[in-house]
mmCIF file of all heavy atoms, coordinates in Angstrom:
data_MODEL
# 
_entry.id   MODEL 
# 
loop_
_atom_site.group_PDB 
_atom_site.id 
_atom_site.type_symbol 
_atom_site.label_atom_id 
_atom_site.label_alt_id 
_atom_site.label_comp_id 
_atom_site.label_asym_id 
_atom_site.label_entity_id 
_atom_site.label_seq_id 
_atom_site.pdbx_PDB_ins_code 
_atom_site.Cartn_x 
_atom_site.Cartn_y 
_atom_site.Cartn_z 
_atom_site.occupancy 
_atom_site.B_iso_or_equiv 
_atom_site.pdbx_formal_charge 
_atom_site.auth_seq_id 
_atom_site.auth_comp_id 
_atom_site.auth_asym_id 
_atom_site.auth_atom_id 
_atom_site.pdbx_PDB_model_num 
ATOM 1   N N   . ALA A 1 1  ? -24.441 11.401 30.342 1.00 0.00 ? 1  ALA A N   1 
ATOM 2   C CA  . ALA A 1 1  ? -24.834 10.155 29.670 1.00 0.00 ? 1  ALA A CA  1 
ATOM 3   C C   . ALA A 1 1  ? -24.097 10.021 28.346 1.00 0.00 ? 1  ALA A C   1 
ATOM 4   O O   . ALA A 1 1  ? -23.603 8.942  27.996 1.00 0.00 ? 1  ALA A O   1 
ATOM 5   C CB  . ALA A 1 1  ? -26.349 10.124 29.467 1.00 0.00 ? 1  ALA A CB  1 
ATOM 6   N N   . ALA A 1 2  ? -23.992 11.123 27.598 1.00 0.00 ? 2  ALA A N   1 
ATOM 7   C CA  . ALA A 1 2  ? -23.227 11.091 26.347 1.00 0.00 ? 2  ALA A CA  1 
ATOM 8   C C   . ALA A 1 2  ? -21.746 10.891 26.622 1.00 0.00 ? 2  ALA A C   1 
ATOM 9   O O   . ALA A 1 2  ? -21.054 10.171 25.886 1.00 0.00 ? 2  ALA A O   1 
ATOM 10  C CB  . ALA A 1 2  ? -23.446 12.382 25.561 1.00 0.00 ? 2  ALA A CB  1 
ATOM 11  N N   . GLY A 1 3  ? -21.234 11.516 27.698 1.00 0.00 ? 3  GLY A N   1 
ATOM 12  C CA  . GLY A 1 3  ? -19.833 11.305 28.052 1.00 0.00 ? 3  GLY A CA  1 
ATOM 13  C C   . GLY A 1 3  ? -19.547 9.847  28.313 1.00 0.00 ? 3  GLY A C   1 
ATOM 14  O O   . GLY A 1 3  ? -18.513 9.309  27.884 1.00 0.00 ? 3  GLY A O   1 
ATOM 15  N N   . LYS A 1 4  ? -20.466 9.171  29.005 1.00 0.00 ? 4  LYS A N   1 
ATOM 16  C CA  . LYS A 1 4  ? -20.305 7.743  29.259 1.00 0.00 ? 4  LYS A CA  1 
ATOM 17  C C   . LYS A 1 4  ? -20.296 6.950  27.954 1.00 0.00 ? 4  LYS A C   1 
ATOM 18  O O   . LYS A 1 4  ? -19.461 6.057  27.760 1.00 0.00 ? 4  LYS A O   1 
ATOM 19  C CB  . LYS A 1 4  ? -21.433 7.261  30.167 1.00 0.00 ? 4  LYS A CB  1 
ATOM 20  C CG  . LYS A 1 4  ? -21.429 5.765  30.425 1.00 0.00 ? 4  LYS A CG  1 
ATOM 21  C CD  . LYS A 1 4  ? -22.656 5.339  31.223 1.00 0.00 ? 4  LYS A CD  1 
ATOM 22  C CE  . LYS A 1 4  ? -22.737 3.828  31.363 1.00 0.00 ? 4  LYS A CE  1 
ATOM 23  N NZ  . LYS A 1 4  ? -23.975 3.405  32.069 1.00 0.00 ? 4  LYS A NZ  1 
ATOM 24  N N   . ARG A 1 5  ? -21.213 7.272  27.050 1.00 0.00 ? 5  ARG A N   1 
ATOM 25  C CA  . ARG A 1 5  ? -21.276 6.537  25.774 1.00 0.00 ? 5  ARG A CA  1 
ATOM 26  C C   . ARG A 1 5  ? -19.978 6.694  24.984 1.00 0.00 ? 5  ARG A C   1 
ATOM 27  O O   . ARG A 1 5  ? -19.444 5.718  24.453 1.00 0.00 ? 5  ARG A O   1 
ATOM 28  C CB  . ARG A 1 5  ? -22.464 7.015  24.944 1.00 0.00 ? 5  ARG A CB  1 
ATOM 29  C CG  . ARG A 1 5  ? -23.818 6.602  25.499 1.00 0.00 ? 5  ARG A CG  1 
ATOM 30  C CD  . ARG A 1 5  ? -24.914 6.806  24.483 1.00 0.00 ? 5  ARG A CD  1 
ATOM 31  N NE  . ARG A 1 5  ? -25.093 8.198  24.121 1.00 0.00 ? 5  ARG A NE  1 
ATOM 32  C CZ  . ARG A 1 5  ? -25.897 9.045  24.767 1.00 0.00 ? 5  ARG A CZ  1 
ATOM 33  N NH1 . ARG A 1 5  ? -26.570 8.650  25.837 1.00 0.00 ? 5  ARG A NH1 1 
ATOM 34  N NH2 . ARG A 1 5  ? -26.011 10.296 24.350 1.00 0.00 ? 5  ARG A NH2 1 
ATOM 35  N N   . TRP A 1 6  ? -19.472 7.920  24.906 1.00 0.00 ? 6  TRP A N   1 
ATOM 36  C CA  . TRP A 1 6  ? -18.220 8.129  24.185 1.00 0.00 ? 6  TRP A CA  1 
ATOM 37  C C   . TRP A 1 6  ? -17.061 7.412  24.879 1.00 0.00 ? 6  TRP A C   1 
ATOM 38  O O   . TRP A 1 6  ? -16.195 6.831  24.215 1.00 0.00 ? 6  TRP A O   1 
ATOM 39  C CB  . TRP A 1 6  ? -17.910 9.618  24.073 1.00 0.00 ? 6  TRP A CB  1 
ATOM 40  C CG  . TRP A 1 6  ? -18.720 10.336 23.036 1.00 0.00 ? 6  TRP A CG  1 
ATOM 41  C CD1 . TRP A 1 6  ? -19.676 11.279 23.242 1.00 0.00 ? 6  TRP A CD1 1 
ATOM 42  C CD2 . TRP A 1 6  ? -18.630 10.170 21.612 1.00 0.00 ? 6  TRP A CD2 1 
ATOM 43  N NE1 . TRP A 1 6  ? -20.205 11.706 22.049 1.00 0.00 ? 6  TRP A NE1 1 
ATOM 44  C CE2 . TRP A 1 6  ? -19.568 11.054 21.032 1.00 0.00 ? 6  TRP A CE2 1 
ATOM 45  C CE3 . TRP A 1 6  ? -17.861 9.362  20.778 1.00 0.00 ? 6  TRP A CE3 1 
ATOM 46  C CZ2 . TRP A 1 6  ? -19.750 11.155 19.654 1.00 0.00 ? 6  TRP A CZ2 1 
ATOM 47  C CZ3 . TRP A 1 6  ? -18.037 9.450  19.403 1.00 0.00 ? 6  TRP A CZ3 1 
ATOM 48  C CH2 . TRP A 1 6  ? -18.963 10.334 18.851 1.00 0.00 ? 6  TRP A CH2 1 
ATOM 49  N N   . GLY A 1 7  ? -17.050 7.442  26.193 1.00 0.00 ? 7  GLY A N   1 
ATOM 50  C CA  . GLY A 1 7  ? -16.001 6.738  26.920 1.00 0.00 ? 7  GLY A CA  1 
ATOM 51  C C   . GLY A 1 7  ? -16.028 5.245  26.667 1.00 0.00 ? 7  GLY A C   1 
ATOM 52  O O   . GLY A 1 7  ? -14.974 4.608  26.507 1.00 0.00 ? 7  GLY A O   1 
ATOM 53  N N   . GLU A 1 8  ? -17.209 4.682  26.637 1.00 0.00 ? 8  GLU A N   1 
ATOM 54  C CA  . GLU A 1 8  ? -17.326 3.243  26.388 1.00 0.00 ? 8  GLU A CA  1 
ATOM 55  C C   . GLU A 1 8  ? -16.890 2.890  24.972 1.00 0.00 ? 8  GLU A C   1 
ATOM 56  O O   . GLU A 1 8  ? -16.248 1.848  24.745 1.00 0.00 ? 8  GLU A O   1 
ATOM 57  C CB  . GLU A 1 8  ? -18.759 2.799  26.640 1.00 0.00 ? 8  GLU A CB  1 
ATOM 58  C CG  . GLU A 1 8  ? -19.137 2.796  28.124 1.00 0.00 ? 8  GLU A CG  1 
ATOM 59  C CD  . GLU A 1 8  ? -20.598 2.529  28.370 1.00 0.00 ? 8  GLU A CD  1 
ATOM 60  O OE1 . GLU A 1 8  ? -21.406 2.742  27.419 1.00 0.00 ? 8  GLU A OE1 1 
ATOM 61  O OE2 . GLU A 1 8  ? -20.963 2.138  29.502 1.00 0.00 ? 8  GLU A OE2 1 
ATOM 62  N N   . GLN A 1 9  ? -17.217 3.742  23.998 1.00 0.00 ? 9  GLN A N   1 
ATOM 63  C CA  . GLN A 1 9  ? -16.758 3.486  22.626 1.00 0.00 ? 9  GLN A CA  1 
ATOM 64  C C   . GLN A 1 9  ? -15.241 3.554  22.538 1.00 0.00 ? 9  GLN A C   1 
ATOM 65  O O   . GLN A 1 9  ? -14.609 2.723  21.864 1.00 0.00 ? 9  GLN A O   1 
ATOM 66  C CB  . GLN A 1 9  ? -17.387 4.510  21.669 1.00 0.00 ? 9  GLN A CB  1 
ATOM 67  C CG  . GLN A 1 9  ? -18.876 4.338  21.450 1.00 0.00 ? 9  GLN A CG  1 
ATOM 68  C CD  . GLN A 1 9  ? -19.419 5.360  20.462 1.00 0.00 ? 9  GLN A CD  1 
ATOM 69  O OE1 . GLN A 1 9  ? -18.947 5.459  19.322 1.00 0.00 ? 9  GLN A OE1 1 
ATOM 70  N NE2 . GLN A 1 9  ? -20.408 6.134  20.896 1.00 0.00 ? 9  GLN A NE2 1 
ATOM 71  N N   . ALA A 1 10 ? -14.658 4.538  23.213 1.00 0.00 ? 10 ALA A N   1 
ATOM 72  C CA  . ALA A 1 10 ? -13.197 4.658  23.194 1.00 0.00 ? 10 ALA A CA  1 
ATOM 73  C C   . ALA A 1 10 ? -12.546 3.477  23.899 1.00 0.00 ? 10 ALA A C   1 
ATOM 74  O O   . ALA A 1 10 ? -11.505 2.964  23.453 1.00 0.00 ? 10 ALA A O   1 
ATOM 75  C CB  . ALA A 1 10 ? -12.779 5.972  23.850 1.00 0.00 ? 10 ALA A CB  1 
ATOM 76  N N   . ARG A 1 11 ? -13.144 3.028  24.990 1.00 0.00 ? 11 ARG A N   1 
ATOM 77  C CA  . ARG A 1 11 ? -12.581 1.885  25.721 1.00 0.00 ? 11 ARG A CA  1 
ATOM 78  C C   . ARG A 1 11 ? -12.570 0.635  24.863 1.00 0.00 ? 11 ARG A C   1 
ATOM 79  O O   . ARG A 1 11 ? -11.627 -0.178 24.939 1.00 0.00 ? 11 ARG A O   1 
ATOM 80  C CB  . ARG A 1 11 ? -13.382 1.641  26.996 1.00 0.00 ? 11 ARG A CB  1 
ATOM 81  C CG  . ARG A 1 11 ? -12.865 0.463  27.828 1.00 0.00 ? 11 ARG A CG  1 
ATOM 82  C CD  . ARG A 1 11 ? -13.621 0.322  29.121 1.00 0.00 ? 11 ARG A CD  1 
ATOM 83  N NE  . ARG A 1 11 ? -15.053 0.135  28.898 1.00 0.00 ? 11 ARG A NE  1 
ATOM 84  C CZ  . ARG A 1 11 ? -15.968 0.114  29.865 1.00 0.00 ? 11 ARG A CZ  1 
ATOM 85  N NH1 . ARG A 1 11 ? -15.600 0.306  31.131 1.00 0.00 ? 11 ARG A NH1 1 
ATOM 86  N NH2 . ARG A 1 11 ? -17.242 -0.058 29.590 1.00 0.00 ? 11 ARG A NH2 1 
ATOM 87  N N   . ALA A 1 12 ? -13.595 0.440  24.040 1.00 0.00 ? 12 ALA A N   1 
ATOM 88  C CA  . ALA A 1 12 ? -13.637 -0.735 23.163 1.00 0.00 ? 12 ALA A CA  1 
ATOM 89  C C   . ALA A 1 12 ? -12.458 -0.742 22.193 1.00 0.00 ? 12 ALA A C   1 
ATOM 90  O O   . ALA A 1 12 ? -11.980 -1.812 21.795 1.00 0.00 ? 12 ALA A O   1 
ATOM 91  C CB  . ALA A 1 12 ? -14.959 -0.766 22.395 1.00 0.00 ? 12 ALA A CB  1 
ATOM 92  N N   . LEU A 1 13 ? -11.977 0.454  21.823 1.00 0.00 ? 13 LEU A N   1 
ATOM 93  C CA  . LEU A 1 13 ? -10.858 0.557  20.892 1.00 0.00 ? 13 LEU A CA  1 
ATOM 94  C C   . LEU A 1 13 ? -9.510  0.597  21.593 1.00 0.00 ? 13 LEU A C   1 
ATOM 95  O O   . LEU A 1 13 ? -8.516  0.062  21.093 1.00 0.00 ? 13 LEU A O   1 
ATOM 96  C CB  . LEU A 1 13 ? -11.015 1.819  20.036 1.00 0.00 ? 13 LEU A CB  1 
ATOM 97  C CG  . LEU A 1 13 ? -12.194 1.860  19.074 1.00 0.00 ? 13 LEU A CG  1 
ATOM 98  C CD1 . LEU A 1 13 ? -12.315 3.247  18.452 1.00 0.00 ? 13 LEU A CD1 1 
ATOM 99  C CD2 . LEU A 1 13 ? -12.047 0.808  17.975 1.00 0.00 ? 13 LEU A CD2 1 
ATOM 100 N N   . GLN A 1 14 ? -9.457  1.264  22.743 1.00 0.00 ? 14 GLN A N   1 
ATOM 101 C CA  . GLN A 1 14 ? -8.184  1.475  23.438 1.00 0.00 ? 14 GLN A CA  1 
ATOM 102 C C   . GLN A 1 14 ? -8.349  1.166  24.926 1.00 0.00 ? 14 GLN A C   1 
ATOM 103 O O   . GLN A 1 14 ? -8.294  2.073  25.780 1.00 0.00 ? 14 GLN A O   1 
ATOM 104 C CB  . GLN A 1 14 ? -7.731  2.937  23.256 1.00 0.00 ? 14 GLN A CB  1 
ATOM 105 C CG  . GLN A 1 14 ? -7.332  3.296  21.845 1.00 0.00 ? 14 GLN A CG  1 
ATOM 106 C CD  . GLN A 1 14 ? -5.917  2.846  21.515 1.00 0.00 ? 14 GLN A CD  1 
ATOM 107 O OE1 . GLN A 1 14 ? -5.234  2.293  22.360 1.00 0.00 ? 14 GLN A OE1 1 
ATOM 108 N NE2 . GLN A 1 14 ? -5.492  3.070  20.289 1.00 0.00 ? 14 GLN A NE2 1 
ATOM 109 N N   . PRO A 1 15 ? -8.544  -0.099 25.281 1.00 0.00 ? 15 PRO A N   1 
ATOM 110 C CA  . PRO A 1 15 ? -8.787  -0.435 26.689 1.00 0.00 ? 15 PRO A CA  1 
ATOM 111 C C   . PRO A 1 15 ? -7.589  -0.221 27.597 1.00 0.00 ? 15 PRO A C   1 
ATOM 112 O O   . PRO A 1 15 ? -7.738  -0.252 28.820 1.00 0.00 ? 15 PRO A O   1 
ATOM 113 C CB  . PRO A 1 15 ? -9.179  -1.913 26.625 1.00 0.00 ? 15 PRO A CB  1 
ATOM 114 C CG  . PRO A 1 15 ? -8.534  -2.425 25.376 1.00 0.00 ? 15 PRO A CG  1 
ATOM 115 C CD  . PRO A 1 15 ? -8.598  -1.288 24.405 1.00 0.00 ? 15 PRO A CD  1 
ATOM 116 N N   . SER A 1 16 ? -6.416  0.000  27.032 1.00 0.00 ? 16 SER A N   1 
ATOM 117 C CA  . SER A 1 16 ? -5.217  0.217  27.849 1.00 0.00 ? 16 SER A CA  1 
ATOM 118 C C   . SER A 1 16 ? -4.808  1.677  27.892 1.00 0.00 ? 16 SER A C   1 
ATOM 119 O O   . SER A 1 16 ? -3.673  1.997  28.260 1.00 0.00 ? 16 SER A O   1 
ATOM 120 C CB  . SER A 1 16 ? -4.054  -0.628 27.303 1.00 0.00 ? 16 SER A CB  1 
ATOM 121 O OG  . SER A 1 16 ? -4.362  -2.002 27.386 1.00 0.00 ? 16 SER A OG  1 
ATOM 122 N N   . THR A 1 17 ? -5.718  2.578  27.532 1.00 0.00 ? 17 THR A N   1 
ATOM 123 C CA  . THR A 1 17 ? -5.429  4.003  27.520 1.00 0.00 ? 17 THR A CA  1 
ATOM 124 C C   . THR A 1 17 ? -6.052  4.669  28.731 1.00 0.00 ? 17 THR A C   1 
ATOM 125 O O   . THR A 1 17 ? -7.274  4.599  28.923 1.00 0.00 ? 17 THR A O   1 
ATOM 126 C CB  . THR A 1 17 ? -5.976  4.647  26.227 1.00 0.00 ? 17 THR A CB  1 
ATOM 127 O OG1 . THR A 1 17 ? -5.327  4.033  25.102 1.00 0.00 ? 17 THR A OG1 1 
ATOM 128 C CG2 . THR A 1 17 ? -5.704  6.141  26.205 1.00 0.00 ? 17 THR A CG2 1 
ATOM 129 N N   . ALA A 1 18 ? -5.254  5.310  29.531 1.00 0.00 ? 18 ALA A N   1 
ATOM 130 C CA  . ALA A 1 18 ? -5.736  5.872  30.800 1.00 0.00 ? 18 ALA A CA  1 
ATOM 131 C C   . ALA A 1 18 ? -6.816  6.918  30.592 1.00 0.00 ? 18 ALA A C   1 
ATOM 132 O O   . ALA A 1 18 ? -7.765  7.004  31.386 1.00 0.00 ? 18 ALA A O   1 
ATOM 133 C CB  . ALA A 1 18 ? -4.557  6.473  31.563 1.00 0.00 ? 18 ALA A CB  1 
ATOM 134 N N   . GLU A 1 19 ? -6.705  7.737  29.537 1.00 0.00 ? 19 GLU A N   1 
ATOM 135 C CA  . GLU A 1 19 ? -7.653  8.825  29.320 1.00 0.00 ? 19 GLU A CA  1 
ATOM 136 C C   . GLU A 1 19 ? -9.085  8.328  29.169 1.00 0.00 ? 19 GLU A C   1 
ATOM 137 O O   . GLU A 1 19 ? -10.037 9.024  29.526 1.00 0.00 ? 19 GLU A O   1 
ATOM 138 C CB  . GLU A 1 19 ? -7.251  9.638  28.090 1.00 0.00 ? 19 GLU A CB  1 
ATOM 139 C CG  . GLU A 1 19 ? -6.005  10.480 28.275 1.00 0.00 ? 19 GLU A CG  1 
ATOM 140 C CD  . GLU A 1 19 ? -4.722  9.667  28.191 1.00 0.00 ? 19 GLU A CD  1 
ATOM 141 O OE1 . GLU A 1 19 ? -4.774  8.519  27.714 1.00 0.00 ? 19 GLU A OE1 1 
ATOM 142 O OE2 . GLU A 1 19 ? -3.667  10.176 28.614 1.00 0.00 ? 19 GLU A OE2 1 
ATOM 143 N N   . VAL A 1 20 ? -9.242  7.111  28.629 1.00 0.00 ? 20 VAL A N   1 
ATOM 144 C CA  . VAL A 1 20 ? -10.575 6.511  28.519 1.00 0.00 ? 20 VAL A CA  1 
ATOM 145 C C   . VAL A 1 20 ? -11.232 6.459  29.882 1.00 0.00 ? 20 VAL A C   1 
ATOM 146 O O   . VAL A 1 20 ? -12.414 6.817  30.053 1.00 0.00 ? 20 VAL A O   1 
ATOM 147 C CB  . VAL A 1 20 ? -10.463 5.094  27.922 1.00 0.00 ? 20 VAL A CB  1 
ATOM 148 C CG1 . VAL A 1 20 ? -11.767 4.322  28.104 1.00 0.00 ? 20 VAL A CG1 1 
ATOM 149 C CG2 . VAL A 1 20 ? -10.086 5.160  26.448 1.00 0.00 ? 20 VAL A CG2 1 
ATOM 150 N N   . TYR A 1 21 ? -10.495 6.020  30.856 1.00 0.00 ? 21 TYR A N   1 
ATOM 151 C CA  . TYR A 1 21 ? -11.054 5.817  32.192 1.00 0.00 ? 21 TYR A CA  1 
ATOM 152 C C   . TYR A 1 21 ? -11.255 7.148  32.918 1.00 0.00 ? 21 TYR A C   1 
ATOM 153 O O   . TYR A 1 21 ? -12.124 7.243  33.800 1.00 0.00 ? 21 TYR A O   1 
ATOM 154 C CB  . TYR A 1 21 ? -10.165 4.862  32.975 1.00 0.00 ? 21 TYR A CB  1 
ATOM 155 C CG  . TYR A 1 21 ? -10.082 3.519  32.292 1.00 0.00 ? 21 TYR A CG  1 
ATOM 156 C CD1 . TYR A 1 21 ? -8.947  3.143  31.575 1.00 0.00 ? 21 TYR A CD1 1 
ATOM 157 C CD2 . TYR A 1 21 ? -11.168 2.656  32.295 1.00 0.00 ? 21 TYR A CD2 1 
ATOM 158 C CE1 . TYR A 1 21 ? -8.896  1.930  30.902 1.00 0.00 ? 21 TYR A CE1 1 
ATOM 159 C CE2 . TYR A 1 21 ? -11.120 1.436  31.631 1.00 0.00 ? 21 TYR A CE2 1 
ATOM 160 C CZ  . TYR A 1 21 ? -9.983  1.084  30.932 1.00 0.00 ? 21 TYR A CZ  1 
ATOM 161 O OH  . TYR A 1 21 ? -9.942  -0.114 30.256 1.00 0.00 ? 21 TYR A OH  1 
ATOM 162 N N   . GLY A 1 22 ? -10.503 8.174  32.521 1.00 0.00 ? 22 GLY A N   1 
ATOM 163 C CA  . GLY A 1 22 ? -10.768 9.500  33.062 1.00 0.00 ? 22 GLY A CA  1 
ATOM 164 C C   . GLY A 1 22 ? -12.133 10.010 32.648 1.00 0.00 ? 22 GLY A C   1 
ATOM 165 O O   . GLY A 1 22 ? -12.898 10.532 33.461 1.00 0.00 ? 22 GLY A O   1 
ATOM 166 N N   . VAL A 1 23 ? -12.456 9.846  31.365 1.00 0.00 ? 23 VAL A N   1 
ATOM 167 C CA  . VAL A 1 23 ? -13.784 10.245 30.875 1.00 0.00 ? 23 VAL A CA  1 
ATOM 168 C C   . VAL A 1 23 ? -14.864 9.461  31.593 1.00 0.00 ? 23 VAL A C   1 
ATOM 169 O O   . VAL A 1 23 ? -15.875 10.015 32.052 1.00 0.00 ? 23 VAL A O   1 
ATOM 170 C CB  . VAL A 1 23 ? -13.880 10.040 29.351 1.00 0.00 ? 23 VAL A CB  1 
ATOM 171 C CG1 . VAL A 1 23 ? -15.327 10.217 28.875 1.00 0.00 ? 23 VAL A CG1 1 
ATOM 172 C CG2 . VAL A 1 23 ? -12.966 11.022 28.626 1.00 0.00 ? 23 VAL A CG2 1 
ATOM 173 N N   . LEU A 1 24 ? -14.679 8.149  31.703 1.00 0.00 ? 24 LEU A N   1 
ATOM 174 C CA  . LEU A 1 24 ? -15.690 7.311  32.350 1.00 0.00 ? 24 LEU A CA  1 
ATOM 175 C C   . LEU A 1 24 ? -15.833 7.633  33.831 1.00 0.00 ? 24 LEU A C   1 
ATOM 176 O O   . LEU A 1 24 ? -16.949 7.684  34.362 1.00 0.00 ? 24 LEU A O   1 
ATOM 177 C CB  . LEU A 1 24 ? -15.342 5.836  32.153 1.00 0.00 ? 24 LEU A CB  1 
ATOM 178 C CG  . LEU A 1 24 ? -15.565 5.298  30.741 1.00 0.00 ? 24 LEU A CG  1 
ATOM 179 C CD1 . LEU A 1 24 ? -14.982 3.892  30.606 1.00 0.00 ? 24 LEU A CD1 1 
ATOM 180 C CD2 . LEU A 1 24 ? -17.054 5.279  30.391 1.00 0.00 ? 24 LEU A CD2 1 
ATOM 181 N N   . ALA A 1 25 ? -14.725 7.847  34.511 1.00 0.00 ? 25 ALA A N   1 
ATOM 182 C CA  . ALA A 1 25 ? -14.803 8.181  35.936 1.00 0.00 ? 25 ALA A CA  1 
ATOM 183 C C   . ALA A 1 25 ? -15.591 9.465  36.153 1.00 0.00 ? 25 ALA A C   1 
ATOM 184 O O   . ALA A 1 25 ? -16.439 9.552  37.053 1.00 0.00 ? 25 ALA A O   1 
ATOM 185 C CB  . ALA A 1 25 ? -13.398 8.314  36.519 1.00 0.00 ? 25 ALA A CB  1 
ATOM 186 N N   . ASP A 1 26 ? -15.335 10.468 35.312 1.00 0.00 ? 26 ASP A N   1 
ATOM 187 C CA  . ASP A 1 26 ? -16.032 11.745 35.461 1.00 0.00 ? 26 ASP A CA  1 
ATOM 188 C C   . ASP A 1 26 ? -17.528 11.599 35.209 1.00 0.00 ? 26 ASP A C   1 
ATOM 189 O O   . ASP A 1 26 ? -18.357 12.114 35.965 1.00 0.00 ? 26 ASP A O   1 
ATOM 190 C CB  . ASP A 1 26 ? -15.442 12.773 34.505 1.00 0.00 ? 26 ASP A CB  1 
ATOM 191 C CG  . ASP A 1 26 ? -14.005 13.130 34.840 1.00 0.00 ? 26 ASP A CG  1 
ATOM 192 O OD1 . ASP A 1 26 ? -13.540 12.794 35.952 1.00 0.00 ? 26 ASP A OD1 1 
ATOM 193 O OD2 . ASP A 1 26 ? -13.337 13.729 33.981 1.00 0.00 ? 26 ASP A OD2 1 
ATOM 194 N N   . SER A 1 27 ? -17.881 10.912 34.136 1.00 0.00 ? 27 SER A N   1 
ATOM 195 C CA  . SER A 1 27 ? -19.305 10.781 33.804 1.00 0.00 ? 27 SER A CA  1 
ATOM 196 C C   . SER A 1 27 ? -20.028 9.887  34.805 1.00 0.00 ? 27 SER A C   1 
ATOM 197 O O   . SER A 1 27 ? -21.136 10.214 35.257 1.00 0.00 ? 27 SER A O   1 
ATOM 198 C CB  . SER A 1 27 ? -19.476 10.251 32.375 1.00 0.00 ? 27 SER A CB  1 
ATOM 199 O OG  . SER A 1 27 ? -18.841 9.004  32.202 1.00 0.00 ? 27 SER A OG  1 
ATOM 200 N N   . LEU A 1 28 ? -19.430 8.775  35.195 1.00 0.00 ? 28 LEU A N   1 
ATOM 201 C CA  . LEU A 1 28 ? -20.097 7.854  36.116 1.00 0.00 ? 28 LEU A CA  1 
ATOM 202 C C   . LEU A 1 28 ? -20.262 8.468  37.502 1.00 0.00 ? 28 LEU A C   1 
ATOM 203 O O   . LEU A 1 28 ? -21.277 8.238  38.175 1.00 0.00 ? 28 LEU A O   1 
ATOM 204 C CB  . LEU A 1 28 ? -19.321 6.544  36.192 1.00 0.00 ? 28 LEU A CB  1 
ATOM 205 C CG  . LEU A 1 28 ? -19.341 5.705  34.909 1.00 0.00 ? 28 LEU A CG  1 
ATOM 206 C CD1 . LEU A 1 28 ? -18.358 4.548  35.006 1.00 0.00 ? 28 LEU A CD1 1 
ATOM 207 C CD2 . LEU A 1 28 ? -20.735 5.190  34.601 1.00 0.00 ? 28 LEU A CD2 1 
ATOM 208 N N   . THR A 1 29 ? -19.298 9.260  37.937 1.00 0.00 ? 29 THR A N   1 
ATOM 209 C CA  . THR A 1 29 ? -19.444 9.958  39.214 1.00 0.00 ? 29 THR A CA  1 
ATOM 210 C C   . THR A 1 29 ? -20.677 10.845 39.192 1.00 0.00 ? 29 THR A C   1 
ATOM 211 O O   . THR A 1 29 ? -21.494 10.841 40.119 1.00 0.00 ? 29 THR A O   1 
ATOM 212 C CB  . THR A 1 29 ? -18.199 10.803 39.509 1.00 0.00 ? 29 THR A CB  1 
ATOM 213 O OG1 . THR A 1 29 ? -17.070 9.941  39.672 1.00 0.00 ? 29 THR A OG1 1 
ATOM 214 C CG2 . THR A 1 29 ? -18.373 11.626 40.784 1.00 0.00 ? 29 THR A CG2 1 
# 
């Protein structure tokens, strides 16, 4: 849940950065 929150905060700043979606994919899975 914390991983998702951090991923979402990073996505708001860097939506074109692949690593953001790696964090989100891992946490959401």
